[in-house]
Protein backbone atom coordinates (compact mmCIF):
# COMPACT_ATOMS: atom_id res chain seq x y z
CA MET A 1 -135.72 27.16 -115.34
CA ALA A 2 -137.99 24.09 -115.21
CA THR A 3 -138.30 21.26 -112.70
CA LEU A 4 -139.52 17.68 -113.01
CA THR A 5 -143.11 17.23 -111.89
CA PRO A 6 -143.63 14.83 -108.97
CA SER A 7 -145.90 11.85 -109.62
CA PRO A 8 -149.52 13.01 -109.15
CA LYS A 9 -150.47 9.56 -107.81
CA MET A 10 -148.58 6.83 -106.02
CA GLU A 11 -148.56 3.52 -107.92
CA PHE A 12 -147.83 0.11 -106.38
CA PHE A 13 -147.20 -3.39 -107.78
CA ASP A 14 -147.38 -6.95 -106.44
CA ASN A 15 -144.51 -9.43 -106.43
CA ASN A 16 -145.29 -10.36 -110.04
CA GLY A 17 -145.03 -6.76 -111.24
CA ASP A 18 -148.79 -6.42 -111.72
CA PRO A 19 -150.79 -3.42 -110.33
CA LEU A 20 -151.61 -4.02 -106.67
CA VAL A 21 -155.38 -3.83 -107.09
CA GLY A 22 -157.14 -3.32 -103.74
CA GLY A 23 -153.79 -3.16 -101.98
CA LYS A 24 -153.51 -1.46 -98.57
CA LEU A 25 -151.03 1.26 -97.56
CA TYR A 26 -150.83 1.59 -93.80
CA THR A 27 -149.27 4.86 -92.52
CA TYR A 28 -147.76 5.33 -89.04
CA MET A 29 -145.64 7.74 -87.06
CA SER A 30 -141.96 6.93 -87.67
CA GLY A 31 -140.65 4.09 -85.55
CA THR A 32 -144.08 3.30 -84.07
CA THR A 33 -147.40 1.59 -84.71
CA THR A 34 -149.28 4.82 -84.00
CA PRO A 35 -151.47 5.66 -87.04
CA ALA A 36 -150.58 8.89 -88.85
CA PHE A 37 -153.00 10.07 -91.50
CA THR A 38 -152.05 11.23 -94.98
CA LYS A 39 -154.15 13.71 -97.00
CA THR A 40 -156.33 13.36 -100.08
CA ASP A 41 -155.10 16.52 -101.86
CA ALA A 42 -152.79 19.53 -101.64
CA THR A 43 -155.13 21.50 -99.35
CA GLY A 44 -154.37 19.06 -96.53
CA THR A 45 -157.87 19.43 -95.11
CA VAL A 46 -159.21 15.89 -95.67
CA ASN A 47 -157.56 12.74 -94.32
CA ASN A 48 -157.16 9.58 -96.36
CA THR A 49 -158.46 6.38 -94.85
CA ASN A 50 -155.86 4.40 -92.97
CA PRO A 51 -155.07 2.07 -94.60
CA VAL A 52 -155.27 3.82 -97.97
CA ILE A 53 -157.06 1.42 -100.39
CA LEU A 54 -155.51 1.29 -103.87
CA ASP A 55 -157.74 1.54 -106.94
CA ALA A 56 -158.09 -0.81 -109.97
CA ARG A 57 -154.74 0.42 -111.29
CA GLY A 58 -152.97 0.04 -107.92
CA GLU A 59 -152.89 3.82 -107.46
CA ALA A 60 -153.90 6.34 -104.79
CA SER A 61 -153.58 10.08 -104.10
CA VAL A 62 -151.34 10.33 -101.05
CA TRP A 63 -150.29 13.77 -99.78
CA LEU A 64 -148.06 14.09 -96.71
CA ASP A 65 -148.32 16.32 -93.67
CA GLU A 66 -144.97 18.20 -93.71
CA SER A 67 -144.82 18.18 -89.90
CA ILE A 68 -144.87 14.34 -89.70
CA VAL A 69 -142.18 11.73 -90.28
CA TYR A 70 -143.99 8.58 -91.50
CA ARG A 71 -143.54 4.81 -91.55
CA PHE A 72 -145.28 3.10 -94.52
CA VAL A 73 -146.35 -0.57 -94.57
CA LEU A 74 -147.67 -1.95 -97.89
CA LYS A 75 -149.93 -5.03 -97.88
CA THR A 76 -152.03 -6.94 -100.38
CA SER A 77 -155.83 -6.87 -100.31
CA THR A 78 -155.62 -9.97 -98.06
CA ASP A 79 -153.16 -8.26 -95.66
CA VAL A 80 -150.00 -10.05 -96.79
CA GLU A 81 -147.14 -7.64 -96.06
CA LEU A 82 -144.97 -6.73 -99.07
CA TRP A 83 -142.62 -4.15 -97.56
CA THR A 84 -142.05 -1.56 -94.81
CA SER A 85 -140.30 1.80 -95.21
CA ASP A 86 -139.53 4.28 -92.41
CA GLY A 87 -138.36 7.91 -92.21
CA ILE A 88 -140.62 9.23 -95.00
CA THR A 89 -141.18 13.01 -95.03
CA GLY A 90 -142.92 15.55 -97.22
CA PHE A 91 -140.98 18.17 -99.17
CA ILE A 92 -140.50 21.41 -97.24
CA THR A 93 -139.93 24.48 -99.40
CA PRO A 94 -137.18 27.03 -98.71
CA THR A 95 -139.82 29.57 -97.69
CA THR A 96 -140.08 27.84 -94.31
CA LYS A 97 -137.17 29.90 -93.00
CA GLY A 98 -137.69 33.37 -91.62
CA GLN A 99 -137.59 35.81 -88.73
CA PHE A 100 -140.16 37.93 -86.90
CA ARG A 101 -139.56 40.63 -84.28
CA PHE A 102 -142.03 41.80 -81.62
CA THR A 103 -141.79 45.16 -79.84
CA ALA A 104 -145.38 45.02 -78.54
CA ASN A 105 -147.72 42.31 -77.28
CA GLY A 106 -149.11 39.98 -79.94
CA SER A 107 -149.11 36.36 -81.08
CA PHE A 108 -147.06 34.21 -83.44
CA THR A 109 -148.51 31.44 -85.61
CA VAL A 110 -146.02 28.69 -86.40
CA PRO A 111 -145.73 28.37 -90.21
CA ALA A 112 -146.59 25.16 -92.04
CA GLY A 113 -143.76 22.65 -92.02
CA VAL A 114 -141.94 24.31 -89.11
CA THR A 115 -141.27 22.18 -86.02
CA LYS A 116 -138.42 24.11 -84.39
CA LEU A 117 -138.05 27.77 -83.39
CA TRP A 118 -135.11 29.75 -82.02
CA LEU A 119 -136.18 32.31 -79.43
CA SER A 120 -134.27 35.44 -78.49
CA GLY A 121 -135.34 38.40 -76.40
CA VAL A 122 -134.98 40.60 -73.36
CA ALA A 123 -137.28 41.69 -70.53
CA GLY A 124 -138.00 45.24 -69.36
CA GLY A 125 -135.19 47.19 -67.71
CA GLY A 126 -135.48 48.81 -64.29
CA GLY A 127 -135.80 52.55 -63.72
CA GLY A 128 -133.10 54.55 -61.96
CA SER A 129 -133.71 56.07 -58.51
CA GLY A 130 -134.02 59.81 -57.95
CA GLY A 131 -131.29 62.05 -56.54
CA SER A 132 -131.36 64.04 -53.30
CA GLU A 133 -132.65 67.57 -53.00
CA GLN A 134 -130.03 70.27 -52.31
CA ILE A 135 -128.79 70.38 -48.70
CA SER A 136 -128.07 73.51 -46.67
CA SER A 137 -125.91 72.23 -43.83
CA PHE A 138 -122.40 70.77 -43.77
CA GLY A 139 -121.87 67.25 -42.50
CA THR A 140 -125.00 65.87 -44.14
CA TYR A 141 -124.78 63.19 -46.81
CA VAL A 142 -125.97 63.72 -50.37
CA TYR A 143 -127.22 60.74 -52.36
CA LEU A 144 -127.13 60.58 -56.13
CA GLY A 145 -129.56 58.19 -57.77
CA SER A 146 -128.64 54.60 -58.64
CA GLY A 147 -129.04 52.94 -62.03
CA GLY A 148 -131.75 50.38 -62.78
CA GLY A 149 -130.78 46.85 -63.78
CA SER A 150 -131.10 45.44 -67.29
CA GLY A 151 -133.68 42.81 -68.08
CA GLN A 152 -132.43 39.27 -68.63
CA ALA A 153 -131.37 38.62 -72.23
CA VAL A 154 -131.71 35.22 -73.95
CA PHE A 155 -130.19 34.36 -77.35
CA LYS A 156 -131.46 31.64 -79.71
CA LYS A 157 -133.02 29.19 -77.29
CA ALA A 158 -134.25 26.21 -79.40
CA VAL A 159 -137.78 24.88 -78.79
CA THR A 160 -139.90 22.23 -80.53
CA VAL A 161 -143.29 23.43 -81.81
CA THR A 162 -146.28 22.29 -83.87
CA PRO A 163 -147.19 23.85 -87.25
CA GLY A 164 -150.23 26.13 -86.92
CA GLU A 165 -149.69 26.56 -83.18
CA VAL A 166 -150.48 30.08 -81.91
CA ILE A 167 -147.98 31.37 -79.34
CA PRO A 168 -148.93 34.47 -77.28
CA ILE A 169 -146.19 37.07 -76.82
CA THR A 170 -145.99 39.46 -73.86
CA ILE A 171 -143.31 42.15 -74.07
CA GLY A 172 -141.82 43.28 -70.75
CA LEU A 173 -142.21 46.97 -69.93
CA GLY A 174 -139.44 49.23 -68.71
CA GLY A 175 -139.68 50.54 -65.15
CA ALA A 176 -140.28 54.23 -64.43
CA GLY A 177 -137.53 56.35 -62.90
CA GLY A 178 -137.92 57.39 -59.28
CA ALA A 179 -138.81 61.00 -58.46
CA GLY A 180 -136.10 63.37 -57.26
CA GLY A 181 -136.05 64.56 -53.66
CA THR A 182 -138.40 67.44 -52.75
CA GLY A 183 -140.24 68.94 -49.79
CA GLY A 184 -137.52 71.01 -48.15
CA PHE A 185 -133.75 70.85 -47.86
CA GLY A 186 -132.35 67.33 -47.92
CA GLY A 187 -135.34 65.42 -49.33
CA THR A 188 -134.21 62.05 -50.67
CA GLY A 189 -135.15 60.59 -54.04
CA ALA A 190 -137.51 57.68 -54.60
CA ASP A 191 -136.54 54.19 -55.76
CA GLY A 192 -136.91 53.31 -59.44
CA SER A 193 -139.61 50.85 -60.49
CA ASP A 194 -138.84 47.31 -61.59
CA GLY A 195 -139.35 46.30 -65.22
CA THR A 196 -141.73 43.45 -66.09
CA ASP A 197 -141.11 39.99 -67.58
CA THR A 198 -141.18 39.11 -71.27
CA ILE A 199 -143.16 35.88 -71.85
CA ILE A 200 -143.18 33.67 -74.96
CA GLY A 201 -146.13 31.31 -74.49
CA THR A 202 -145.28 28.36 -72.27
CA TYR A 203 -141.79 28.11 -73.77
CA LEU A 204 -139.84 30.90 -72.12
CA THR A 205 -140.17 33.53 -69.38
CA ILE A 206 -137.43 36.17 -69.47
CA PHE A 207 -136.95 37.96 -66.15
CA HIS A 208 -137.10 41.72 -65.59
CA GLY A 209 -134.45 44.09 -64.25
CA LEU A 210 -134.85 45.69 -60.83
CA GLY A 211 -135.19 49.40 -60.13
CA GLY A 212 -132.34 51.34 -58.54
CA THR A 213 -132.64 51.88 -54.79
CA LEU A 214 -131.53 54.56 -52.37
CA ALA A 215 -129.18 53.76 -49.49
CA THR A 216 -128.51 55.69 -46.27
CA GLY A 217 -125.69 56.14 -43.79
CA GLY A 218 -123.30 57.67 -46.30
CA LEU A 219 -123.35 54.73 -48.72
CA GLY A 220 -124.09 54.92 -52.42
CA GLY A 221 -127.50 53.74 -53.55
CA SER A 222 -127.73 50.11 -54.69
CA GLY A 223 -127.80 49.51 -58.44
CA GLY A 224 -130.79 47.57 -59.73
CA GLY A 225 -130.15 43.85 -60.22
CA GLY A 226 -130.16 42.41 -63.72
CA GLY A 227 -132.53 39.62 -64.77
CA ALA A 228 -131.72 36.23 -63.25
CA LEU A 229 -129.45 33.71 -64.97
CA ILE A 230 -131.12 31.23 -67.37
CA ASP A 231 -129.46 29.24 -70.15
CA GLY A 232 -126.22 31.15 -69.66
CA GLN A 233 -127.77 34.57 -70.28
CA PHE A 234 -128.51 37.40 -67.85
CA GLY A 235 -128.98 41.15 -67.67
CA GLY A 236 -126.35 43.56 -66.37
CA ASP A 237 -126.73 45.15 -62.95
CA GLY A 238 -127.15 48.90 -62.63
CA SER A 239 -124.37 50.69 -60.75
CA GLY A 240 -124.83 52.39 -57.38
CA GLY A 241 -124.97 56.17 -57.25
CA ASP A 242 -122.22 58.05 -55.41
CA SER A 243 -122.78 59.65 -52.03
CA PHE A 244 -120.67 62.23 -50.27
CA SER A 245 -120.61 64.54 -47.29
CA ILE A 246 -121.40 68.17 -48.19
CA ASP A 247 -118.31 69.28 -46.26
CA GLY A 248 -116.15 67.16 -48.59
CA LYS A 249 -116.04 70.24 -50.87
CA THR A 250 -115.80 68.25 -54.11
CA LEU A 251 -118.21 68.01 -57.02
CA ASN A 252 -116.58 65.08 -58.84
CA PHE A 253 -119.41 62.63 -58.23
CA TYR A 254 -121.86 60.88 -60.56
CA SER A 255 -125.24 59.20 -60.44
CA GLY A 256 -125.28 55.47 -61.21
CA ASP A 257 -125.37 53.97 -64.71
CA GLY A 258 -128.21 51.73 -65.87
CA GLY A 259 -127.52 48.07 -66.68
CA SER A 260 -126.88 46.98 -70.29
CA ASN A 261 -127.49 43.82 -72.36
CA MET A 262 -127.03 42.58 -75.94
CA PHE A 263 -130.19 44.42 -77.06
CA GLY A 264 -129.70 47.79 -75.33
CA SER A 265 -127.37 50.11 -73.43
CA GLY A 266 -128.07 51.47 -69.96
CA GLY A 267 -128.40 55.21 -69.39
CA ARG A 268 -125.14 56.87 -68.35
CA GLY A 269 -124.96 58.58 -64.96
CA LYS A 270 -124.67 62.37 -64.69
CA LYS A 271 -122.21 64.49 -62.75
CA ILE A 272 -123.35 66.83 -59.98
CA ALA A 273 -124.71 70.02 -61.56
CA VAL A 274 -123.57 73.46 -60.40
CA GLY A 275 -126.49 75.87 -60.01
CA ALA A 276 -129.06 73.90 -62.03
CA THR A 277 -132.72 73.99 -60.94
CA PRO A 278 -133.93 71.26 -60.73
CA ALA A 279 -131.01 68.87 -60.79
CA PRO A 280 -130.55 66.92 -64.05
CA SER A 281 -132.65 63.80 -64.53
CA GLY A 282 -130.95 60.48 -65.19
CA ARG A 283 -130.68 59.38 -68.81
CA ASN A 284 -133.18 56.82 -70.05
CA GLY A 285 -131.96 53.43 -71.23
CA ASP A 286 -131.38 53.00 -74.95
CA GLY A 287 -132.55 50.12 -77.18
CA HIS A 288 -134.41 47.28 -75.49
CA GLY A 289 -134.41 46.04 -71.89
CA ALA A 290 -131.81 48.53 -70.63
CA GLY A 291 -131.82 50.21 -67.20
CA GLY A 292 -132.26 53.92 -66.61
CA ALA A 293 -129.57 56.01 -64.91
CA GLY A 294 -129.97 57.52 -61.47
CA GLY A 295 -130.99 61.15 -60.98
CA SER A 296 -128.35 63.78 -60.17
CA TYR A 297 -127.93 66.52 -57.53
CA SER A 298 -127.61 70.28 -57.87
CA THR A 299 -125.73 72.86 -55.78
CA ALA A 300 -128.49 75.43 -56.34
CA ALA A 301 -130.18 76.40 -53.07
CA GLY A 302 -133.29 74.29 -52.49
CA ALA A 303 -133.09 72.66 -55.93
CA ASP A 304 -135.09 69.46 -56.28
CA GLY A 305 -133.16 66.29 -56.96
CA GLY A 306 -133.10 64.90 -60.48
CA ALA A 307 -135.55 62.15 -61.40
CA GLY A 308 -134.21 58.72 -62.32
CA GLY A 309 -134.13 57.66 -65.98
CA ALA A 310 -136.66 55.16 -67.30
CA GLY A 311 -135.82 51.59 -68.24
CA THR A 312 -136.69 50.51 -71.77
CA ASN A 313 -139.20 47.91 -72.95
CA GLY A 314 -138.11 44.43 -74.00
CA THR A 315 -138.30 42.72 -77.38
CA VAL A 316 -138.68 39.21 -78.84
CA VAL A 317 -137.09 37.77 -81.99
CA ILE A 318 -138.40 34.45 -83.37
CA GLU A 319 -136.45 32.59 -86.05
CA TRP A 320 -137.22 29.38 -87.93
């Protein structure tokens, strides 16, 4: 397959059809009188004068910056205007479309010719809280760990950028699970840690999920909150862990689930374990930005409570 070569030089004529010797091509930003420089060759490193002065054949080498929409004004050597044309752009090749994913901190350089990006991503999920240590006396409440919240998730937020711009990327980290209860009969578990934010330059901050927390007074622990609402997207809350009185004589209770989002699934809570030492730990989140499950409880005498599951790290997807 072959294609027609573009003209290597621009050629202009006066009103009589003769070469516009010494003519002047003024170049501006579209719709304005703000000068916008063209380039002398394909490297784009050297600006033409503005106006561009035409040679003895009425010609000039005029290369366009692909990121600029131009307005051209053509005048004679004595500054008599011949015509104005607006909305002139350079040719952008199909290779200016693509996608890049980050799972660790880094930076993104906007490709040549690209002026718009679509940003997607999720922040770090919260860790689940730990479960109670085994209890020896009736009438005392047992607390199973609560799930951590998912990080906020954002899908294809459009932003305007400049070609060659370097955008720093910070990936949110998942929160650690809280330790299970220890130190003697009835020790309570620790809260899970919050995740951290995912940050895409100055364009977008995606908020982290909260760690699961332990409640008292016979209530289930509070599930970690999901990332706050922005642009219609948010992270799912973790669920609260069950609690029960030891004299209830039932083992049909579960630790809390971690929060989920479009990039990852929260860890599933675990049922009370019979005779396990220590009690089972909560499941970690899966994928990106998901919350960890709460730690469980064991009936084994003096068994430590299960640790909460960890939240997972975030991710960023950039498309253009």
